[in-house]
Amino acid sequence: MNRAIVAELVHLVAGLLVTRLVFVAAEWAYPQGAESLEVVGWITMAAVLAMSVAELRNAWKHGNARD
């Protein structure tokens, strides 16, 4: 695994953690909407993951081209 892939994976994990923390804080701050916020939070995390797929693929492709 090359450095570009590791960097993308670290960036993805950091993005997912920050997204989760933001929504946990929102659920704490607005308990009446916690159920809705939880669903929106998971959908947002799925979107973050989906947006990272292209970058991971590019890192993989460029890493393999150098080998």
PDB file of N, CA and C in Angstrom:
ATOM      1  N   MET A   1       0.857  -1.170   0.000  1.00  0.00           N
ATOM      2  CA  MET A   1       0.000   0.000   0.000  1.00  0.00           C
ATOM      3  C   MET A   1       0.905   1.236   0.000  1.00  0.00           C
ATOM      4  N   ASN A   2       0.673   2.137  -0.946  1.00  0.00           N
ATOM      5  CA  ASN A   2       1.536   3.311  -1.016  1.00  0.00           C
ATOM      6  C   ASN A   2       1.039   4.428  -0.105  1.00  0.00           C
ATOM      7  N   ARG A   3       1.847   5.475  -0.024  1.00  0.00           N
ATOM      8  CA  ARG A   3       1.525   6.575   0.884  1.00  0.00           C
ATOM      9  C   ARG A   3       0.253   7.317   0.498  1.00  0.00           C
ATOM     10  N   ALA A   4      -0.014   7.415  -0.796  1.00  0.00           N
ATOM     11  CA  ALA A   4      -1.224   8.124  -1.238  1.00  0.00           C
ATOM     12  C   ALA A   4      -2.482   7.411  -0.761  1.00  0.00           C
ATOM     13  N   ILE A   5      -2.476   6.102  -0.825  1.00  0.00           N
ATOM     14  CA  ILE A   5      -3.644   5.335  -0.369  1.00  0.00           C
ATOM     15  C   ILE A   5      -3.811   5.468   1.138  1.00  0.00           C
ATOM     16  N   VAL A   6      -2.705   5.373   1.861  1.00  0.00           N
ATOM     17  CA  VAL A   6      -2.769   5.527   3.319  1.00  0.00           C
ATOM     18  C   VAL A   6      -3.285   6.917   3.680  1.00  0.00           C
ATOM     19  N   ALA A   7      -2.792   7.931   2.978  1.00  0.00           N
ATOM     20  CA  ALA A   7      -3.249   9.301   3.244  1.00  0.00           C
ATOM     21  C   ALA A   7      -4.745   9.435   2.973  1.00  0.00           C
ATOM     22  N   GLU A   8      -5.219   8.865   1.892  1.00  0.00           N
ATOM     23  CA  GLU A   8      -6.651   8.926   1.585  1.00  0.00           C
ATOM     24  C   GLU A   8      -7.479   8.184   2.628  1.00  0.00           C
ATOM     25  N   LEU A   9      -6.997   7.032   3.078  1.00  0.00           N
ATOM     26  CA  LEU A   9      -7.730   6.271   4.097  1.00  0.00           C
ATOM     27  C   LEU A   9      -7.767   7.022   5.429  1.00  0.00           C
ATOM     28  N   VAL A  10      -6.645   7.634   5.796  1.00  0.00           N
ATOM     29  CA  VAL A  10      -6.613   8.427   7.034  1.00  0.00           C
ATOM     30  C   VAL A  10      -7.572   9.601   6.913  1.00  0.00           C
ATOM     31  N   HIS A  11      -7.571  10.252   5.754  1.00  0.00           N
ATOM     32  CA  HIS A  11      -8.471  11.375   5.522  1.00  0.00           C
ATOM     33  C   HIS A  11      -9.927  10.924   5.582  1.00  0.00           C
ATOM     34  N   LEU A  12     -10.227   9.767   5.023  1.00  0.00           N
ATOM     35  CA  LEU A  12     -11.587   9.229   5.061  1.00  0.00           C
ATOM     36  C   LEU A  12     -12.019   8.936   6.491  1.00  0.00           C
ATOM     37  N   VAL A  13     -11.172   8.265   7.243  1.00  0.00           N
ATOM     38  CA  VAL A  13     -11.508   7.935   8.636  1.00  0.00           C
ATOM     39  C   VAL A  13     -11.696   9.206   9.460  1.00  0.00           C
ATOM     40  N   ALA A  14     -10.820  10.183   9.256  1.00  0.00           N
ATOM     41  CA  ALA A  14     -10.955  11.448   9.984  1.00  0.00           C
ATOM     42  C   ALA A  14     -12.275  12.134   9.623  1.00  0.00           C
ATOM     43  N   GLY A  15     -12.612  12.134   8.339  1.00  0.00           N
ATOM     44  CA  GLY A  15     -13.876  12.741   7.921  1.00  0.00           C
ATOM     45  C   GLY A  15     -15.084  12.050   8.514  1.00  0.00           C
ATOM     46  N   LEU A  16     -15.046  10.723   8.559  1.00  0.00           N
ATOM     47  CA  LEU A  16     -16.160   9.979   9.149  1.00  0.00           C
ATOM     48  C   LEU A  16     -16.266  10.228  10.648  1.00  0.00           C
ATOM     49  N   LEU A  17     -15.126  10.277  11.336  1.00  0.00           N
ATOM     50  CA  LEU A  17     -15.147  10.536  12.776  1.00  0.00           C
ATOM     51  C   LEU A  17     -15.667  11.938  13.095  1.00  0.00           C
ATOM     52  N   VAL A  18     -15.203  12.930  12.353  1.00  0.00           N
ATOM     53  CA  VAL A  18     -15.659  14.300  12.589  1.00  0.00           C
ATOM     54  C   VAL A  18     -17.149  14.417  12.285  1.00  0.00           C
ATOM     55  N   THR A  19     -17.589  13.801  11.212  1.00  0.00           N
ATOM     56  CA  THR A  19     -19.012  13.836  10.876  1.00  0.00           C
ATOM     57  C   THR A  19     -19.839  13.210  11.993  1.00  0.00           C
ATOM     58  N   ARG A  20     -19.382  12.061  12.481  1.00  0.00           N
ATOM     59  CA  ARG A  20     -20.121  11.396  13.567  1.00  0.00           C
ATOM     60  C   ARG A  20     -20.148  12.253  14.833  1.00  0.00           C
ATOM     61  N   LEU A  21     -19.003  12.850  15.158  1.00  0.00           N
ATOM     62  CA  LEU A  21     -18.946  13.701  16.353  1.00  0.00           C
ATOM     63  C   LEU A  21     -19.868  14.907  16.235  1.00  0.00           C
ATOM     64  N   VAL A  22     -19.932  15.506  15.059  1.00  0.00           N
ATOM     65  CA  VAL A  22     -20.823  16.656  14.856  1.00  0.00           C
ATOM     66  C   VAL A  22     -22.279  16.240  15.071  1.00  0.00           C
ATOM     67  N   PHE A  23     -22.647  15.092  14.529  1.00  0.00           N
ATOM     68  CA  PHE A  23     -24.044  14.671  14.672  1.00  0.00           C
ATOM     69  C   PHE A  23     -24.362  14.175  16.082  1.00  0.00           C
ATOM     70  N   VAL A  24     -23.403  13.581  16.759  1.00  0.00           N
ATOM     71  CA  VAL A  24     -23.628  13.209  18.167  1.00  0.00           C
ATOM     72  C   VAL A  24     -23.831  14.475  19.005  1.00  0.00           C
ATOM     73  N   ALA A  25     -23.033  15.491  18.743  1.00  0.00           N
ATOM     74  CA  ALA A  25     -23.203  16.762  19.459  1.00  0.00           C
ATOM     75  C   ALA A  25     -24.553  17.396  19.134  1.00  0.00           C
ATOM     76  N   ALA A  26     -24.964  17.297  17.876  1.00  0.00           N
ATOM     77  CA  ALA A  26     -26.270  17.846  17.494  1.00  0.00           C
ATOM     78  C   ALA A  26     -27.405  17.085  18.174  1.00  0.00           C
ATOM     79  N   GLU A  27     -27.272  15.767  18.262  1.00  0.00           N
ATOM     80  CA  GLU A  27     -28.299  14.965  18.950  1.00  0.00           C
ATOM     81  C   GLU A  27     -28.364  15.322  20.429  1.00  0.00           C
ATOM     82  N   TRP A  28     -27.212  15.575  21.019  1.00  0.00           N
ATOM     83  CA  TRP A  28     -27.182  15.963  22.434  1.00  0.00           C
ATOM     84  C   TRP A  28     -27.816  17.335  22.620  1.00  0.00           C
ATOM     85  N   ALA A  29     -27.516  18.253  21.710  1.00  0.00           N
ATOM     86  CA  ALA A  29     -27.996  19.626  21.842  1.00  0.00           C
ATOM     87  C   ALA A  29     -29.487  19.758  21.526  1.00  0.00           C
ATOM     88  N   TYR A  30     -30.003  18.877  20.705  1.00  0.00           N
ATOM     89  CA  TYR A  30     -31.409  18.957  20.303  1.00  0.00           C
ATOM     90  C   TYR A  30     -32.052  17.583  20.452  1.00  0.00           C
ATOM     91  N   PRO A  31     -32.341  17.192  21.701  1.00  0.00           N
ATOM     92  CA  PRO A  31     -32.846  15.833  21.950  1.00  0.00           C
ATOM     93  C   PRO A  31     -34.194  15.533  21.286  1.00  0.00           C
ATOM     94  N   GLN A  32     -35.001  16.567  21.026  1.00  0.00           N
ATOM     95  CA  GLN A  32     -36.299  16.314  20.382  1.00  0.00           C
ATOM     96  C   GLN A  32     -36.114  15.768  18.960  1.00  0.00           C
ATOM     97  N   GLY A  33     -35.034  16.144  18.318  1.00  0.00           N
ATOM     98  CA  GLY A  33     -34.814  15.704  16.948  1.00  0.00           C
ATOM     99  C   GLY A  33     -33.716  14.666  16.818  1.00  0.00           C
ATOM    100  N   ALA A  34     -33.370  14.040  17.940  1.00  0.00           N
ATOM    101  CA  ALA A  34     -32.243  13.102  17.946  1.00  0.00           C
ATOM    102  C   ALA A  34     -32.447  11.944  16.968  1.00  0.00           C
ATOM    103  N   GLU A  35     -33.661  11.447  16.895  1.00  0.00           N
ATOM    104  CA  GLU A  35     -33.920  10.307  15.996  1.00  0.00           C
ATOM    105  C   GLU A  35     -33.710  10.709  14.527  1.00  0.00           C
ATOM    106  N   SER A  36     -34.222  11.861  14.158  1.00  0.00           N
ATOM    107  CA  SER A  36     -34.037  12.348  12.789  1.00  0.00           C
ATOM    108  C   SER A  36     -32.577  12.677  12.511  1.00  0.00           C
ATOM    109  N   LEU A  37     -31.931  13.299  13.478  1.00  0.00           N
ATOM    110  CA  LEU A  37     -30.525  13.661  13.299  1.00  0.00           C
ATOM    111  C   LEU A  37     -29.642  12.423  13.146  1.00  0.00           C
ATOM    112  N   GLU A  38     -29.984  11.362  13.842  1.00  0.00           N
ATOM    113  CA  GLU A  38     -29.198  10.136  13.719  1.00  0.00           C
ATOM    114  C   GLU A  38     -29.274   9.580  12.296  1.00  0.00           C
ATOM    115  N   VAL A  39     -30.470   9.558  11.740  1.00  0.00           N
ATOM    116  CA  VAL A  39     -30.651   9.064  10.370  1.00  0.00           C
ATOM    117  C   VAL A  39     -29.890   9.944   9.389  1.00  0.00           C
ATOM    118  N   VAL A  40     -30.033  11.255   9.527  1.00  0.00           N
ATOM    119  CA  VAL A  40     -29.341  12.183   8.635  1.00  0.00           C
ATOM    120  C   VAL A  40     -27.822  12.048   8.797  1.00  0.00           C
ATOM    121  N   GLY A  41     -27.377  11.823  10.022  1.00  0.00           N
ATOM    122  CA  GLY A  41     -25.948  11.634  10.268  1.00  0.00           C
ATOM    123  C   GLY A  41     -25.393  10.421   9.542  1.00  0.00           C
ATOM    124  N   TRP A  42     -26.101   9.299   9.612  1.00  0.00           N
ATOM    125  CA  TRP A  42     -25.644   8.087   8.921  1.00  0.00           C
ATOM    126  C   TRP A  42     -25.680   8.274   7.402  1.00  0.00           C
ATOM    127  N   ILE A  43     -26.683   8.968   6.902  1.00  0.00           N
ATOM    128  CA  ILE A  43     -26.739   9.240   5.457  1.00  0.00           C
ATOM    129  C   ILE A  43     -25.584  10.145   5.046  1.00  0.00           C
ATOM    130  N   THR A  44     -25.271  11.123   5.868  1.00  0.00           N
ATOM    131  CA  THR A  44     -24.149  12.011   5.582  1.00  0.00           C
ATOM    132  C   THR A  44     -22.834  11.246   5.593  1.00  0.00           C
ATOM    133  N   MET A  45     -22.680  10.328   6.529  1.00  0.00           N
ATOM    134  CA  MET A  45     -21.461   9.514   6.570  1.00  0.00           C
ATOM    135  C   MET A  45     -21.365   8.632   5.324  1.00  0.00           C
ATOM    136  N   ALA A  46     -22.481   8.119   4.860  1.00  0.00           N
ATOM    137  CA  ALA A  46     -22.474   7.324   3.628  1.00  0.00           C
ATOM    138  C   ALA A  46     -22.068   8.189   2.431  1.00  0.00           C
ATOM    139  N   ALA A  47     -22.517   9.444   2.422  1.00  0.00           N
ATOM    140  CA  ALA A  47     -22.139  10.359   1.345  1.00  0.00           C
ATOM    141  C   ALA A  47     -20.646  10.672   1.396  1.00  0.00           C
ATOM    142  N   VAL A  48     -20.098  10.867   2.587  1.00  0.00           N
ATOM    143  CA  VAL A  48     -18.657  11.101   2.732  1.00  0.00           C
ATOM    144  C   VAL A  48     -17.888   9.895   2.199  1.00  0.00           C
ATOM    145  N   LEU A  49     -18.341   8.712   2.542  1.00  0.00           N
ATOM    146  CA  LEU A  49     -17.703   7.488   2.058  1.00  0.00           C
ATOM    147  C   LEU A  49     -17.787   7.397   0.535  1.00  0.00           C
ATOM    148  N   ALA A  50     -18.957   7.678  -0.013  1.00  0.00           N
ATOM    149  CA  ALA A  50     -19.137   7.607  -1.468  1.00  0.00           C
ATOM    150  C   ALA A  50     -18.250   8.612  -2.193  1.00  0.00           C
ATOM    151  N   MET A  51     -18.094   9.803  -1.625  1.00  0.00           N
ATOM    152  CA  MET A  51     -17.257  10.812  -2.265  1.00  0.00           C
ATOM    153  C   MET A  51     -15.778  10.454  -2.196  1.00  0.00           C
ATOM    154  N   SER A  52     -15.403   9.590  -1.282  1.00  0.00           N
ATOM    155  CA  SER A  52     -14.002   9.208  -1.136  1.00  0.00           C
ATOM    156  C   SER A  52     -13.595   8.080  -2.082  1.00  0.00           C
ATOM    157  N   VAL A  53     -14.560   7.386  -2.645  1.00  0.00           N
ATOM    158  CA  VAL A  53     -14.252   6.240  -3.497  1.00  0.00           C
ATOM    159  C   VAL A  53     -13.409   6.653  -4.700  1.00  0.00           C
ATOM    160  N   ALA A  54     -13.772   7.749  -5.359  1.00  0.00           N
ATOM    161  CA  ALA A  54     -13.026   8.200  -6.538  1.00  0.00           C
ATOM    162  C   ALA A  54     -11.584   8.561  -6.173  1.00  0.00           C
ATOM    163  N   GLU A  55     -11.397   9.221  -5.050  1.00  0.00           N
ATOM    164  CA  GLU A  55     -10.050   9.595  -4.634  1.00  0.00           C
ATOM    165  C   GLU A  55      -9.215   8.362  -4.279  1.00  0.00           C
ATOM    166  N   LEU A  56      -9.832   7.401  -3.627  1.00  0.00           N
ATOM    167  CA  LEU A  56      -9.117   6.155  -3.326  1.00  0.00           C
ATOM    168  C   LEU A  56      -8.743   5.418  -4.609  1.00  0.00           C
ATOM    169  N   ARG A  57      -9.657   5.398  -5.570  1.00  0.00           N
ATOM    170  CA  ARG A  57      -9.377   4.750  -6.846  1.00  0.00           C
ATOM    171  C   ARG A  57      -8.229   5.444  -7.576  1.00  0.00           C
ATOM    172  N   ASN A  58      -8.219   6.777  -7.569  1.00  0.00           N
ATOM    173  CA  ASN A  58      -7.123   7.517  -8.205  1.00  0.00           C
ATOM    174  C   ASN A  58      -5.797   7.231  -7.522  1.00  0.00           C
ATOM    175  N   ALA A  59      -5.794   7.200  -6.204  1.00  0.00           N
ATOM    176  CA  ALA A  59      -4.560   6.910  -5.470  1.00  0.00           C
ATOM    177  C   ALA A  59      -4.075   5.497  -5.788  1.00  0.00           C
ATOM    178  N   TRP A  60      -5.001   4.556  -5.880  1.00  0.00           N
ATOM    179  CA  TRP A  60      -4.647   3.172  -6.206  1.00  0.00           C
ATOM    180  C   TRP A  60      -4.070   3.091  -7.616  1.00  0.00           C
ATOM    181  N   LYS A  61      -4.747   3.752  -8.568  1.00  0.00           N
ATOM    182  CA  LYS A  61      -4.325   3.712  -9.962  1.00  0.00           C
ATOM    183  C   LYS A  61      -2.929   4.333 -10.134  1.00  0.00           C
ATOM    184  N   HIS A  62      -2.723   5.500  -9.533  1.00  0.00           N
ATOM    185  CA  HIS A  62      -1.431   6.172  -9.666  1.00  0.00           C
ATOM    186  C   HIS A  62      -0.327   5.437  -8.906  1.00  0.00           C
ATOM    187  N   GLY A  63      -0.686   4.816  -7.814  1.00  0.00           N
ATOM    188  CA  GLY A  63       0.302   4.039  -7.060  1.00  0.00           C
ATOM    189  C   GLY A  63       0.741   2.804  -7.827  1.00  0.00           C
ATOM    190  N   ASN A  64      -0.196   2.140  -8.492  1.00  0.00           N
ATOM    191  CA  ASN A  64       0.134   0.953  -9.279  1.00  0.00           C
ATOM    192  C   ASN A  64       0.885   1.306 -10.553  1.00  0.00           C
ATOM    193  N   ALA A  65       0.630   2.504 -11.100  1.00  0.00           N
ATOM    194  CA  ALA A  65       1.318   2.916 -12.327  1.00  0.00           C
ATOM    195  C   ALA A  65       2.801   3.166 -12.060  1.00  0.00           C
ATOM    196  N   ARG A  66       3.122   3.580 -10.838  1.00  0.00           N
ATOM    197  CA  ARG A  66       4.521   3.843 -10.490  1.00  0.00           C
ATOM    198  C   ARG A  66       5.311   2.569 -10.264  1.00  0.00           C
ATOM    199  N   ASP A  67       4.632   1.494  -9.888  1.00  0.00           N
ATOM    200  CA  ASP A  67       5.324   0.229  -9.568  1.00  0.00           C
ATOM    201  C   ASP A  67       5.861  -0.453 -10.793  1.00  0.00           C
TER     202      ASP A  67
END
